[in-house]
Protein backbone atom coordinates (compact mmCIF):
# COMPACT_ATOMS: atom_id res chain seq x y z
CA UNK A 1 79.91 -70.22 -48.14
CA UNK A 2 79.03 -67.03 -50.00
CA UNK A 3 77.42 -63.93 -48.53
CA UNK A 4 76.03 -60.79 -50.12
CA UNK A 5 76.64 -57.45 -48.43
CA UNK A 6 74.99 -54.28 -49.71
CA UNK A 7 76.28 -50.82 -48.88
CA UNK A 8 74.47 -47.48 -48.71
CA UNK A 9 76.02 -44.12 -49.43
CA UNK A 10 75.11 -40.68 -48.17
CA UNK A 11 76.27 -37.40 -49.72
CA UNK A 12 76.36 -34.15 -47.75
CA UNK A 13 75.25 -31.42 -50.15
CA UNK A 14 76.00 -28.88 -47.40
CA UNK A 15 79.70 -29.67 -47.70
CA UNK A 16 79.85 -28.56 -51.35
CA UNK A 17 79.47 -24.83 -50.67
CA UNK A 18 79.46 -24.52 -46.87
CA UNK A 19 81.06 -26.26 -43.88
CA UNK A 20 78.64 -29.21 -44.04
CA UNK A 21 78.67 -29.41 -40.24
CA UNK A 22 75.61 -30.09 -38.12
CA UNK A 23 76.84 -27.56 -35.54
CA UNK A 24 76.74 -24.81 -38.19
CA UNK A 25 73.32 -25.89 -39.47
CA UNK A 26 74.93 -26.66 -42.84
CA UNK A 27 74.50 -30.44 -42.99
CA UNK A 28 72.20 -31.62 -45.78
CA UNK A 29 72.58 -35.37 -46.25
CA UNK A 30 70.94 -37.27 -49.11
CA UNK A 31 70.79 -41.01 -49.66
CA UNK A 32 72.59 -42.19 -52.78
CA UNK A 33 73.24 -45.60 -54.27
CA UNK A 34 75.62 -48.16 -52.86
CA UNK A 35 77.43 -51.29 -53.95
CA UNK A 36 76.75 -55.00 -53.73
CA UNK A 37 79.57 -57.30 -52.66
CA UNK A 38 79.55 -61.07 -53.06
CA UNK A 39 81.92 -62.31 -50.38
CA UNK A 40 83.44 -65.77 -50.43
CA UNK A 41 86.12 -67.37 -48.27
CA UNK A 42 84.43 -66.76 -44.92
CA UNK A 43 82.19 -68.97 -42.79
CA UNK A 44 80.18 -66.31 -40.92
CA UNK A 45 78.04 -63.46 -42.20
CA UNK A 46 79.32 -61.07 -39.53
CA UNK A 47 82.86 -61.66 -40.79
CA UNK A 48 81.69 -60.86 -44.34
CA UNK A 49 80.06 -57.62 -43.16
CA UNK A 50 83.21 -56.64 -41.24
CA UNK A 51 85.38 -57.41 -44.28
CA UNK A 52 83.23 -55.25 -46.56
CA UNK A 53 83.33 -52.49 -43.94
CA UNK A 54 87.12 -52.74 -43.87
CA UNK A 55 87.49 -52.42 -47.64
CA UNK A 56 84.54 -50.19 -48.50
CA UNK A 57 83.56 -47.93 -45.63
CA UNK A 58 84.13 -44.25 -45.94
CA UNK A 59 83.29 -41.61 -43.34
CA UNK A 60 84.03 -37.96 -44.03
CA UNK A 61 82.19 -34.62 -43.95
CA UNK A 62 80.94 -34.93 -47.53
CA UNK A 63 80.39 -38.65 -48.08
CA UNK A 64 79.70 -41.83 -46.11
CA UNK A 65 79.42 -45.46 -47.19
CA UNK A 66 78.52 -48.32 -44.88
CA UNK A 67 77.08 -51.87 -44.96
CA UNK A 68 73.29 -51.76 -44.62
CA UNK A 69 71.88 -55.14 -45.66
CA UNK A 70 73.33 -58.63 -45.81
CA UNK A 71 72.19 -62.15 -46.63
CA UNK A 72 73.54 -65.46 -47.76
CA UNK A 73 74.11 -65.77 -51.50
CA UNK A 74 71.18 -68.20 -51.78
CA UNK A 75 68.83 -65.81 -49.96
CA UNK A 76 69.91 -62.98 -52.28
CA UNK A 77 69.16 -65.08 -55.36
CA UNK A 78 65.67 -65.71 -53.94
CA UNK A 79 65.25 -61.95 -53.27
CA UNK A 80 65.96 -61.07 -56.89
CA UNK A 81 64.11 -64.07 -58.41
CA UNK A 82 60.99 -62.02 -59.23
CA UNK A 83 63.00 -59.36 -61.08
CA UNK A 84 63.21 -59.55 -64.85
CA UNK A 85 65.95 -61.81 -66.22
CA UNK A 86 67.71 -58.75 -67.61
CA UNK A 87 67.72 -56.98 -64.24
CA UNK A 88 68.83 -60.15 -62.41
CA UNK A 89 71.76 -60.42 -64.83
CA UNK A 90 72.62 -56.75 -64.32
CA UNK A 91 72.59 -57.14 -60.52
CA UNK A 92 74.82 -60.21 -60.66
CA UNK A 93 77.27 -58.65 -63.13
CA UNK A 94 77.53 -55.35 -61.25
CA UNK A 95 78.19 -57.01 -57.89
CA UNK A 96 81.80 -56.91 -56.73
CA UNK A 97 83.12 -60.38 -55.98
CA UNK A 98 85.66 -60.32 -53.14
CA UNK A 99 87.50 -62.87 -51.06
CA UNK A 100 89.71 -61.84 -48.12
CA UNK A 101 92.21 -64.55 -49.03
CA UNK A 102 92.95 -62.96 -52.40
CA UNK A 103 91.79 -59.35 -52.03
CA UNK A 104 94.19 -56.58 -53.01
CA UNK A 105 93.31 -52.92 -52.32
CA UNK A 106 92.00 -51.19 -55.43
CA UNK A 107 91.15 -54.50 -57.07
CA UNK A 108 87.63 -55.10 -55.78
């Protein structure tokens, strides 16, 4: 079965020139884009989400990335069905296809 896991990123603008810490009043987080992963080789969606978290999560003072939305591959295709053909193609081509059985760090 295939699953689709989307990630969300946050960037802390306060960490560029100041400490970026909440305690100092210098945190200023902004939502940014994320990635889309097409995960194969697993039978359960929660395993796919955990796998994407293992290979893609980041958590530091200036940047965070985490899974935020997940569906089966078929549900995702239905979600994007009303988009233009060009945009559907772009979404499918920009998605990172991963499989825990063959994944190598840096090769997503």
